[in-house]
């Protein structure tokens, strides 16, 4: 058992209540976005030897999604409440238009093949196992209504209608706690 597998991370509330930064790329070429949708679990292994995973959901309108598709390593970082303003900034500005990380005041740090943040209390370093965009035909009606009620937020540039999120499942290869 890996040391992080015995911790109680409050998986049902940590994304919703604390938010997280999902970061993909290398120290020379990366982007990050704030997420509040995610989950933790285990799968794809023999009994007692499953892979510990983090699943995050990134909308195709987010610049970070391009980096998630391009790179195999991503990090999921949870920051203290004192960094809520930075999380809000990173969630409402695009890395296409500015150096939003520098403008947020956070400090990127290289970790394995990816990037985390010095200010993070907890970072999961993940290797991508699965990537797929949700298929509209298989979404429940109430989820389709959710997307349709927020068209600007869920419409990718150059598209005339909403698009669903991508799901990324990553194997947790390391958990860094401060």
N, C-alpha and C. Protein backbone atom coordinates (compact mmCIF):
# COMPACT_ATOMS: atom_id res chain seq x y z
N UNK A 1 0.84 -1.18 0.00
CA UNK A 1 0.00 0.00 0.00
C UNK A 1 0.89 1.25 0.00
N UNK A 2 0.56 2.19 -0.87
CA UNK A 2 1.28 3.46 -0.91
C UNK A 2 0.84 4.30 0.28
N UNK A 3 1.74 5.12 0.83
CA UNK A 3 1.40 5.89 2.05
C UNK A 3 0.12 6.72 1.92
N UNK A 4 -0.12 7.33 0.77
CA UNK A 4 -1.30 8.19 0.62
C UNK A 4 -2.60 7.40 0.62
N UNK A 5 -2.55 6.09 0.36
CA UNK A 5 -3.76 5.28 0.28
C UNK A 5 -4.42 5.05 1.65
N UNK A 6 -3.69 5.32 2.73
CA UNK A 6 -4.27 5.12 4.06
C UNK A 6 -4.81 6.43 4.65
N UNK A 7 -4.74 7.52 3.91
CA UNK A 7 -5.21 8.83 4.39
C UNK A 7 -6.71 8.99 4.13
N UNK A 8 -7.35 9.80 4.95
CA UNK A 8 -8.75 10.14 4.75
C UNK A 8 -8.81 11.54 4.15
N UNK A 9 -9.00 11.60 2.84
CA UNK A 9 -8.98 12.88 2.13
C UNK A 9 -10.36 13.52 1.98
N UNK A 10 -11.40 12.95 2.55
CA UNK A 10 -12.76 13.49 2.44
C UNK A 10 -13.12 13.70 0.97
N UNK A 11 -13.01 12.63 0.22
CA UNK A 11 -13.16 12.67 -1.24
C UNK A 11 -14.50 13.21 -1.71
N UNK A 12 -15.55 13.08 -0.91
CA UNK A 12 -16.86 13.54 -1.35
C UNK A 12 -17.01 15.06 -1.29
N UNK A 13 -16.18 15.72 -0.50
CA UNK A 13 -16.34 17.17 -0.35
C UNK A 13 -15.13 18.00 -0.74
N UNK A 14 -13.98 17.40 -0.87
CA UNK A 14 -12.79 18.23 -1.06
C UNK A 14 -12.81 19.02 -2.37
N UNK A 15 -13.32 18.47 -3.44
CA UNK A 15 -13.38 19.22 -4.69
C UNK A 15 -14.43 20.34 -4.59
N UNK A 16 -15.61 20.00 -4.13
CA UNK A 16 -16.70 20.97 -4.08
C UNK A 16 -16.42 22.10 -3.10
N UNK A 17 -15.92 21.78 -1.94
CA UNK A 17 -15.73 22.79 -0.90
C UNK A 17 -14.41 23.55 -1.03
N UNK A 18 -13.36 22.83 -1.39
CA UNK A 18 -12.03 23.46 -1.41
C UNK A 18 -11.61 23.92 -2.79
N UNK A 19 -12.20 23.35 -3.84
CA UNK A 19 -11.77 23.54 -5.21
C UNK A 19 -10.35 22.98 -5.35
N UNK A 20 -9.86 22.93 -6.57
CA UNK A 20 -8.51 22.43 -6.83
C UNK A 20 -7.99 23.08 -8.10
N UNK A 21 -6.69 23.02 -8.26
CA UNK A 21 -6.06 23.42 -9.52
C UNK A 21 -5.65 22.16 -10.25
N UNK A 22 -6.10 22.02 -11.49
CA UNK A 22 -5.63 20.95 -12.35
C UNK A 22 -4.63 21.57 -13.30
N UNK A 23 -3.43 21.01 -13.32
CA UNK A 23 -2.33 21.57 -14.09
C UNK A 23 -1.75 20.49 -14.98
N UNK A 24 -1.58 20.81 -16.25
CA UNK A 24 -0.99 19.86 -17.20
C UNK A 24 0.09 20.58 -18.00
N UNK A 25 1.12 19.82 -18.35
CA UNK A 25 2.21 20.35 -19.13
C UNK A 25 3.53 20.20 -18.40
N UNK A 26 4.54 20.83 -18.96
CA UNK A 26 5.88 20.81 -18.40
C UNK A 26 6.17 22.17 -17.78
N UNK A 27 7.24 22.30 -17.01
CA UNK A 27 7.55 23.62 -16.45
C UNK A 27 7.71 24.71 -17.53
N UNK A 28 8.09 24.31 -18.73
CA UNK A 28 8.27 25.28 -19.81
C UNK A 28 6.97 25.53 -20.59
N UNK A 29 5.98 24.65 -20.48
CA UNK A 29 4.77 24.73 -21.29
C UNK A 29 3.61 24.08 -20.53
N UNK A 30 2.90 24.90 -19.73
CA UNK A 30 1.82 24.35 -18.93
C UNK A 30 0.68 25.35 -18.81
N UNK A 31 -0.46 24.84 -18.36
CA UNK A 31 -1.58 25.69 -18.02
C UNK A 31 -2.33 25.04 -16.87
N UNK A 32 -3.07 25.85 -16.15
CA UNK A 32 -3.82 25.36 -15.00
C UNK A 32 -5.20 25.97 -15.01
N UNK A 33 -6.14 25.26 -14.40
CA UNK A 33 -7.49 25.82 -14.22
C UNK A 33 -8.05 25.35 -12.89
N UNK A 34 -8.96 26.13 -12.39
CA UNK A 34 -9.65 25.80 -11.14
C UNK A 34 -10.81 24.86 -11.46
N UNK A 35 -10.95 23.82 -10.66
CA UNK A 35 -12.06 22.89 -10.83
C UNK A 35 -12.75 22.66 -9.48
N UNK A 36 -14.03 22.35 -9.58
CA UNK A 36 -14.76 21.95 -8.38
C UNK A 36 -15.45 20.60 -8.60
N UNK A 37 -15.22 20.03 -9.76
CA UNK A 37 -15.75 18.71 -10.08
C UNK A 37 -14.60 17.71 -10.11
N UNK A 38 -14.69 16.69 -9.30
CA UNK A 38 -13.66 15.67 -9.30
C UNK A 38 -14.04 14.56 -8.34
N UNK A 39 -13.31 13.48 -8.43
CA UNK A 39 -13.55 12.34 -7.54
C UNK A 39 -12.27 11.55 -7.37
N UNK A 40 -12.28 10.73 -6.36
CA UNK A 40 -11.14 9.86 -6.08
C UNK A 40 -11.65 8.45 -5.89
N UNK A 41 -10.83 7.48 -6.25
CA UNK A 41 -11.25 6.10 -6.08
C UNK A 41 -10.15 5.14 -6.48
N UNK A 42 -10.57 3.98 -6.90
CA UNK A 42 -9.63 2.96 -7.33
C UNK A 42 -10.28 2.10 -8.40
N UNK A 43 -9.46 1.60 -9.31
CA UNK A 43 -9.97 0.75 -10.39
C UNK A 43 -8.80 0.11 -11.13
N UNK A 44 -9.15 -0.77 -12.05
CA UNK A 44 -8.22 -1.38 -12.99
C UNK A 44 -7.05 -2.11 -12.33
N UNK A 45 -7.37 -2.95 -11.39
CA UNK A 45 -6.34 -3.77 -10.78
C UNK A 45 -6.97 -5.02 -10.20
N UNK A 46 -6.14 -5.92 -9.79
CA UNK A 46 -6.61 -7.12 -9.12
C UNK A 46 -7.04 -6.77 -7.71
N UNK A 47 -7.90 -7.56 -7.11
CA UNK A 47 -8.39 -7.29 -5.75
C UNK A 47 -7.19 -7.04 -4.83
N UNK A 48 -7.27 -5.94 -4.10
CA UNK A 48 -6.20 -5.57 -3.19
C UNK A 48 -5.03 -4.88 -3.87
N UNK A 49 -5.08 -4.72 -5.17
CA UNK A 49 -3.96 -4.11 -5.89
C UNK A 49 -4.49 -3.16 -6.97
N UNK A 50 -5.64 -2.53 -6.71
CA UNK A 50 -6.20 -1.59 -7.66
C UNK A 50 -5.32 -0.35 -7.78
N UNK A 51 -5.50 0.37 -8.87
CA UNK A 51 -4.80 1.63 -9.06
C UNK A 51 -5.58 2.72 -8.34
N UNK A 52 -4.91 3.53 -7.54
CA UNK A 52 -5.55 4.68 -6.89
C UNK A 52 -5.66 5.77 -7.93
N UNK A 53 -6.86 6.37 -8.05
CA UNK A 53 -7.10 7.31 -9.14
C UNK A 53 -7.75 8.61 -8.67
N UNK A 54 -7.54 9.64 -9.48
CA UNK A 54 -8.26 10.90 -9.39
C UNK A 54 -8.93 11.10 -10.74
N UNK A 55 -10.19 11.50 -10.72
CA UNK A 55 -10.92 11.82 -11.94
C UNK A 55 -11.29 13.29 -11.90
N UNK A 56 -10.97 14.00 -12.97
CA UNK A 56 -11.32 15.42 -13.08
C UNK A 56 -12.07 15.64 -14.39
N UNK A 57 -12.80 16.72 -14.42
CA UNK A 57 -13.65 17.03 -15.57
C UNK A 57 -13.29 18.43 -16.06
N UNK A 58 -12.88 18.52 -17.33
CA UNK A 58 -12.41 19.78 -17.90
C UNK A 58 -13.24 20.08 -19.15
N UNK A 59 -13.77 21.28 -19.21
CA UNK A 59 -14.57 21.66 -20.38
C UNK A 59 -13.66 22.00 -21.56
N UNK A 60 -14.07 21.66 -22.79
CA UNK A 60 -13.22 21.94 -23.96
C UNK A 60 -12.98 23.43 -24.22
N UNK A 61 -13.78 24.30 -23.63
CA UNK A 61 -13.54 25.74 -23.78
C UNK A 61 -12.35 26.19 -22.94
N UNK A 62 -11.94 25.38 -21.98
CA UNK A 62 -10.82 25.74 -21.11
C UNK A 62 -9.51 25.44 -21.82
N UNK A 63 -8.61 26.39 -21.79
CA UNK A 63 -7.30 26.25 -22.42
C UNK A 63 -6.56 25.04 -21.83
N UNK A 64 -6.76 24.79 -20.57
CA UNK A 64 -6.11 23.66 -19.90
C UNK A 64 -6.45 22.33 -20.56
N UNK A 65 -7.64 22.21 -21.14
CA UNK A 65 -8.03 20.96 -21.77
C UNK A 65 -7.06 20.58 -22.88
N UNK A 66 -6.54 21.57 -23.62
CA UNK A 66 -5.57 21.29 -24.68
C UNK A 66 -4.30 20.67 -24.09
N UNK A 67 -3.89 21.14 -22.93
CA UNK A 67 -2.70 20.60 -22.27
C UNK A 67 -2.98 19.21 -21.69
N UNK A 68 -4.19 19.01 -21.19
CA UNK A 68 -4.56 17.69 -20.68
C UNK A 68 -4.52 16.66 -21.80
N UNK A 69 -4.96 17.04 -22.99
CA UNK A 69 -4.95 16.13 -24.13
C UNK A 69 -3.53 15.86 -24.61
N UNK A 70 -2.66 16.83 -24.51
CA UNK A 70 -1.30 16.76 -25.06
C UNK A 70 -0.32 16.00 -24.15
N UNK A 71 -0.47 16.14 -22.85
CA UNK A 71 0.52 15.59 -21.91
C UNK A 71 -0.06 14.44 -21.10
N UNK A 72 0.82 13.53 -20.67
CA UNK A 72 0.39 12.35 -19.90
C UNK A 72 0.42 12.55 -18.40
N UNK A 73 1.09 13.59 -17.92
CA UNK A 73 1.15 13.87 -16.49
C UNK A 73 0.29 15.09 -16.20
N UNK A 74 -0.49 15.01 -15.12
CA UNK A 74 -1.18 16.19 -14.63
C UNK A 74 -1.18 16.15 -13.11
N UNK A 75 -1.36 17.32 -12.52
CA UNK A 75 -1.42 17.41 -11.06
C UNK A 75 -2.76 17.98 -10.64
N UNK A 76 -3.17 17.61 -9.45
CA UNK A 76 -4.38 18.14 -8.84
C UNK A 76 -3.95 18.68 -7.48
N UNK A 77 -4.01 20.00 -7.34
CA UNK A 77 -3.49 20.67 -6.14
C UNK A 77 -4.61 21.33 -5.35
N UNK A 78 -4.60 21.11 -4.05
CA UNK A 78 -5.54 21.74 -3.13
C UNK A 78 -4.77 22.77 -2.31
N UNK A 79 -5.28 23.98 -2.31
CA UNK A 79 -4.62 25.09 -1.64
C UNK A 79 -5.38 25.48 -0.38
N UNK A 80 -4.72 26.19 0.54
CA UNK A 80 -5.41 26.63 1.76
C UNK A 80 -6.45 27.71 1.44
N UNK A 81 -7.38 27.89 2.35
CA UNK A 81 -8.43 28.90 2.19
C UNK A 81 -7.84 30.29 1.93
N UNK A 82 -6.66 30.56 2.46
CA UNK A 82 -6.02 31.86 2.25
C UNK A 82 -5.70 32.13 0.77
N UNK A 83 -5.74 31.09 -0.06
CA UNK A 83 -5.46 31.24 -1.50
C UNK A 83 -6.74 31.22 -2.34
N UNK A 84 -7.90 31.37 -1.71
CA UNK A 84 -9.18 31.32 -2.43
C UNK A 84 -9.25 32.38 -3.53
N UNK A 85 -8.70 33.55 -3.28
CA UNK A 85 -8.72 34.62 -4.29
C UNK A 85 -7.92 34.20 -5.53
N UNK A 86 -6.78 33.56 -5.33
CA UNK A 86 -5.96 33.08 -6.45
C UNK A 86 -6.71 31.99 -7.23
N UNK A 87 -7.38 31.10 -6.51
CA UNK A 87 -8.18 30.06 -7.16
C UNK A 87 -9.29 30.69 -8.00
N UNK A 88 -9.93 31.70 -7.47
CA UNK A 88 -10.98 32.41 -8.21
C UNK A 88 -10.42 33.08 -9.46
N UNK A 89 -9.24 33.69 -9.32
CA UNK A 89 -8.61 34.35 -10.46
C UNK A 89 -8.29 33.34 -11.56
N UNK A 90 -7.68 32.24 -11.17
CA UNK A 90 -7.29 31.22 -12.14
C UNK A 90 -8.49 30.55 -12.79
N UNK A 91 -9.62 30.57 -12.11
CA UNK A 91 -10.84 29.99 -12.66
C UNK A 91 -11.62 30.93 -13.56
N UNK A 92 -11.26 32.20 -13.56
CA UNK A 92 -12.02 33.18 -14.33
C UNK A 92 -11.19 33.91 -15.39
N UNK A 93 -9.94 33.52 -15.56
CA UNK A 93 -9.07 34.10 -16.58
C UNK A 93 -8.46 32.98 -17.42
N UNK A 94 -8.13 33.32 -18.66
CA UNK A 94 -7.59 32.31 -19.57
C UNK A 94 -6.10 32.50 -19.78
N UNK A 95 -5.40 31.38 -19.77
CA UNK A 95 -3.97 31.39 -20.10
C UNK A 95 -3.71 31.69 -21.56
N UNK A 96 -4.75 31.67 -22.39
CA UNK A 96 -4.60 32.06 -23.79
C UNK A 96 -4.34 33.56 -23.91
N UNK A 97 -4.88 34.32 -22.95
CA UNK A 97 -4.89 35.77 -23.04
C UNK A 97 -3.84 36.46 -22.18
N UNK A 98 -3.30 35.76 -21.20
CA UNK A 98 -2.37 36.39 -20.26
C UNK A 98 -1.58 35.32 -19.53
N UNK A 99 -0.57 35.75 -18.80
CA UNK A 99 0.15 34.84 -17.90
C UNK A 99 -0.62 34.84 -16.59
N UNK A 100 -1.70 34.09 -16.57
CA UNK A 100 -2.60 34.13 -15.42
C UNK A 100 -1.97 33.57 -14.15
N UNK A 101 -1.02 32.64 -14.28
CA UNK A 101 -0.36 32.11 -13.09
C UNK A 101 0.44 33.22 -12.42
N UNK A 102 1.23 33.97 -13.19
CA UNK A 102 1.99 35.08 -12.63
C UNK A 102 1.05 36.11 -12.01
N UNK A 103 -0.05 36.39 -12.68
CA UNK A 103 -1.00 37.38 -12.18
C UNK A 103 -1.77 36.90 -10.95
N UNK A 104 -1.80 35.59 -10.72
CA UNK A 104 -2.49 35.04 -9.54
C UNK A 104 -1.64 35.15 -8.28
N UNK A 105 -0.33 35.29 -8.47
CA UNK A 105 0.57 35.35 -7.32
C UNK A 105 1.05 34.00 -6.83
N UNK A 106 0.63 32.92 -7.48
CA UNK A 106 1.08 31.59 -7.08
C UNK A 106 2.44 31.26 -7.70
N UNK A 107 3.12 30.30 -7.09
CA UNK A 107 4.47 29.94 -7.50
C UNK A 107 4.49 28.53 -8.09
N UNK A 108 4.64 28.39 -9.42
CA UNK A 108 4.73 27.06 -10.01
C UNK A 108 6.06 26.39 -9.66
N UNK A 109 5.99 25.07 -9.44
CA UNK A 109 7.17 24.28 -9.07
C UNK A 109 7.15 23.00 -9.89
N UNK A 110 8.29 22.62 -10.45
CA UNK A 110 8.40 21.37 -11.20
C UNK A 110 8.27 20.18 -10.25
N UNK A 111 7.52 19.17 -10.68
CA UNK A 111 7.39 17.92 -9.93
C UNK A 111 7.26 16.79 -10.95
N UNK A 112 8.13 15.80 -10.86
CA UNK A 112 8.17 14.73 -11.84
C UNK A 112 8.16 15.33 -13.25
N UNK A 113 7.20 14.93 -14.09
CA UNK A 113 7.12 15.49 -15.44
C UNK A 113 6.12 16.64 -15.53
N UNK A 114 5.67 17.15 -14.39
CA UNK A 114 4.61 18.14 -14.40
C UNK A 114 4.91 19.36 -13.56
N UNK A 115 3.83 20.03 -13.16
CA UNK A 115 3.93 21.29 -12.42
C UNK A 115 2.91 21.27 -11.28
N UNK A 116 3.34 21.71 -10.11
CA UNK A 116 2.45 21.91 -8.97
C UNK A 116 2.68 23.33 -8.47
N UNK A 117 2.12 23.67 -7.32
CA UNK A 117 2.28 25.02 -6.78
C UNK A 117 2.83 24.96 -5.37
N UNK A 118 3.80 25.83 -5.11
CA UNK A 118 4.45 25.91 -3.81
C UNK A 118 3.44 26.10 -2.69
N UNK A 119 2.39 26.84 -2.95
CA UNK A 119 1.40 27.17 -1.93
C UNK A 119 0.43 26.02 -1.62
N UNK A 120 0.45 24.96 -2.39
CA UNK A 120 -0.50 23.86 -2.21
C UNK A 120 -0.25 23.11 -0.90
N UNK A 121 -1.34 22.74 -0.25
CA UNK A 121 -1.26 21.91 0.95
C UNK A 121 -1.19 20.43 0.58
N UNK A 122 -1.80 20.10 -0.56
CA UNK A 122 -1.85 18.71 -1.02
C UNK A 122 -1.86 18.71 -2.55
N UNK A 123 -0.97 17.92 -3.14
CA UNK A 123 -0.95 17.77 -4.59
C UNK A 123 -0.86 16.29 -4.93
N UNK A 124 -1.75 15.86 -5.82
CA UNK A 124 -1.67 14.52 -6.38
C UNK A 124 -0.99 14.63 -7.74
N UNK A 125 0.08 13.89 -7.92
CA UNK A 125 0.74 13.79 -9.23
C UNK A 125 0.15 12.57 -9.91
N UNK A 126 -0.39 12.77 -11.12
CA UNK A 126 -1.14 11.72 -11.79
C UNK A 126 -0.61 11.43 -13.18
N UNK A 127 -0.68 10.18 -13.57
CA UNK A 127 -0.40 9.74 -14.94
C UNK A 127 -1.74 9.42 -15.59
N UNK A 128 -1.97 10.02 -16.73
CA UNK A 128 -3.26 9.86 -17.41
C UNK A 128 -3.47 8.41 -17.82
N UNK A 129 -4.64 7.87 -17.43
CA UNK A 129 -5.05 6.51 -17.80
C UNK A 129 -6.16 6.52 -18.84
N UNK A 130 -7.00 7.59 -18.80
CA UNK A 130 -8.19 7.61 -19.65
C UNK A 130 -8.60 9.04 -19.92
N UNK A 131 -9.07 9.27 -21.14
CA UNK A 131 -9.57 10.58 -21.55
C UNK A 131 -10.75 10.36 -22.49
N UNK A 132 -11.84 11.05 -22.23
CA UNK A 132 -12.99 10.91 -23.12
C UNK A 132 -13.96 12.06 -22.87
N UNK A 133 -14.52 12.59 -23.96
CA UNK A 133 -15.55 13.61 -23.82
C UNK A 133 -16.89 12.92 -23.62
N UNK A 134 -17.68 13.43 -22.68
CA UNK A 134 -19.01 12.88 -22.47
C UNK A 134 -19.80 12.95 -23.77
N UNK A 135 -20.56 11.92 -24.03
CA UNK A 135 -21.39 11.83 -25.23
C UNK A 135 -22.77 12.38 -24.90
N UNK A 136 -23.16 13.43 -25.59
CA UNK A 136 -24.45 14.08 -25.33
C UNK A 136 -25.61 13.08 -25.37
N UNK A 137 -25.54 12.15 -26.28
CA UNK A 137 -26.64 11.18 -26.43
C UNK A 137 -26.83 10.33 -25.17
N UNK A 138 -25.80 10.21 -24.35
CA UNK A 138 -25.88 9.37 -23.17
C UNK A 138 -26.06 10.16 -21.87
N UNK A 139 -26.23 11.47 -21.98
CA UNK A 139 -26.45 12.29 -20.79
C UNK A 139 -27.93 12.27 -20.41
N UNK A 140 -28.21 12.24 -19.14
CA UNK A 140 -29.59 12.34 -18.66
C UNK A 140 -30.16 13.70 -19.05
N UNK A 141 -31.46 13.78 -19.21
CA UNK A 141 -32.10 15.03 -19.63
C UNK A 141 -31.76 16.19 -18.70
N UNK A 142 -31.72 15.96 -17.39
CA UNK A 142 -31.43 17.07 -16.47
C UNK A 142 -30.00 17.58 -16.65
N UNK A 143 -29.08 16.73 -17.09
CA UNK A 143 -27.70 17.17 -17.34
C UNK A 143 -27.65 17.97 -18.64
N UNK A 144 -28.38 17.54 -19.65
CA UNK A 144 -28.47 18.31 -20.89
C UNK A 144 -29.05 19.70 -20.61
N UNK A 145 -30.06 19.74 -19.76
CA UNK A 145 -30.66 21.02 -19.38
C UNK A 145 -29.66 21.90 -18.64
N UNK A 146 -28.85 21.29 -17.80
CA UNK A 146 -27.81 22.04 -17.09
C UNK A 146 -26.86 22.71 -18.08
N UNK A 147 -26.34 21.95 -19.03
CA UNK A 147 -25.44 22.51 -20.03
C UNK A 147 -26.14 23.59 -20.85
N UNK A 148 -27.35 23.34 -21.29
CA UNK A 148 -28.08 24.29 -22.14
C UNK A 148 -28.40 25.58 -21.41
N UNK A 149 -28.53 25.53 -20.08
CA UNK A 149 -28.85 26.74 -19.32
C UNK A 149 -27.64 27.64 -19.10
N UNK A 150 -26.45 27.17 -19.43
CA UNK A 150 -25.22 27.95 -19.27
C UNK A 150 -24.45 28.03 -20.59
N UNK A 151 -25.10 28.42 -21.69
CA UNK A 151 -24.45 28.29 -23.01
C UNK A 151 -23.12 29.03 -23.17
N UNK A 152 -22.95 30.29 -22.73
CA UNK A 152 -21.64 30.92 -22.95
C UNK A 152 -20.51 30.19 -22.22
N UNK A 153 -20.82 29.73 -21.02
CA UNK A 153 -19.80 29.05 -20.22
C UNK A 153 -19.40 27.71 -20.83
N UNK A 154 -20.35 27.04 -21.47
CA UNK A 154 -20.10 25.71 -21.99
C UNK A 154 -20.07 25.63 -23.51
N UNK A 155 -19.74 26.74 -24.15
CA UNK A 155 -19.62 26.78 -25.60
C UNK A 155 -18.18 27.06 -25.97
N UNK A 156 -17.57 26.17 -26.70
CA UNK A 156 -16.20 26.34 -27.16
C UNK A 156 -16.16 27.38 -28.27
N UNK A 157 -15.10 28.17 -28.31
CA UNK A 157 -14.95 29.19 -29.35
C UNK A 157 -15.11 28.55 -30.72
N UNK A 158 -15.88 29.20 -31.57
CA UNK A 158 -16.10 28.69 -32.92
C UNK A 158 -17.26 27.73 -33.01
N UNK A 159 -17.88 27.41 -31.88
CA UNK A 159 -19.02 26.50 -31.87
C UNK A 159 -20.28 27.31 -31.64
N UNK A 160 -21.40 26.81 -32.10
CA UNK A 160 -22.64 27.55 -31.92
C UNK A 160 -23.55 26.95 -30.85
N UNK A 161 -23.07 25.92 -30.15
CA UNK A 161 -23.88 25.33 -29.09
C UNK A 161 -22.97 24.73 -28.01
N UNK A 162 -23.58 24.37 -26.93
CA UNK A 162 -22.82 23.85 -25.79
C UNK A 162 -22.17 22.50 -26.11
N UNK A 163 -21.12 22.21 -25.36
CA UNK A 163 -20.42 20.92 -25.45
C UNK A 163 -20.21 20.39 -24.03
N UNK A 164 -20.26 19.08 -23.85
CA UNK A 164 -20.00 18.52 -22.53
C UNK A 164 -18.51 18.45 -22.21
N UNK A 165 -18.23 18.20 -20.95
CA UNK A 165 -16.87 18.12 -20.42
C UNK A 165 -16.13 16.87 -20.91
N UNK A 166 -14.81 16.93 -20.78
CA UNK A 166 -13.95 15.77 -20.90
C UNK A 166 -13.73 15.21 -19.51
N UNK A 167 -13.63 13.90 -19.44
CA UNK A 167 -13.29 13.22 -18.20
C UNK A 167 -11.86 12.70 -18.34
N UNK A 168 -11.06 12.98 -17.33
CA UNK A 168 -9.69 12.46 -17.28
C UNK A 168 -9.53 11.65 -16.01
N UNK A 169 -9.09 10.42 -16.16
CA UNK A 169 -8.78 9.57 -15.01
C UNK A 169 -7.27 9.42 -14.97
N UNK A 170 -6.70 9.74 -13.83
CA UNK A 170 -5.26 9.63 -13.67
C UNK A 170 -4.90 8.73 -12.51
N UNK A 171 -3.88 7.92 -12.71
CA UNK A 171 -3.34 7.13 -11.60
C UNK A 171 -2.53 8.04 -10.71
N UNK A 172 -2.79 8.00 -9.42
CA UNK A 172 -2.01 8.79 -8.48
C UNK A 172 -0.67 8.09 -8.30
N UNK A 173 0.41 8.75 -8.70
CA UNK A 173 1.74 8.16 -8.55
C UNK A 173 2.47 8.74 -7.33
N UNK A 174 1.97 9.89 -6.87
CA UNK A 174 2.58 10.52 -5.69
C UNK A 174 1.59 11.49 -5.09
N UNK A 175 1.60 11.59 -3.77
CA UNK A 175 0.83 12.61 -3.06
C UNK A 175 1.83 13.43 -2.26
N UNK A 176 1.81 14.72 -2.46
CA UNK A 176 2.74 15.63 -1.78
C UNK A 176 1.93 16.47 -0.81
N UNK A 177 2.22 16.33 0.47
CA UNK A 177 1.49 17.06 1.52
C UNK A 177 2.45 17.96 2.27
N UNK A 178 1.91 19.09 2.67
CA UNK A 178 2.70 20.01 3.51
C UNK A 178 2.07 20.13 4.87
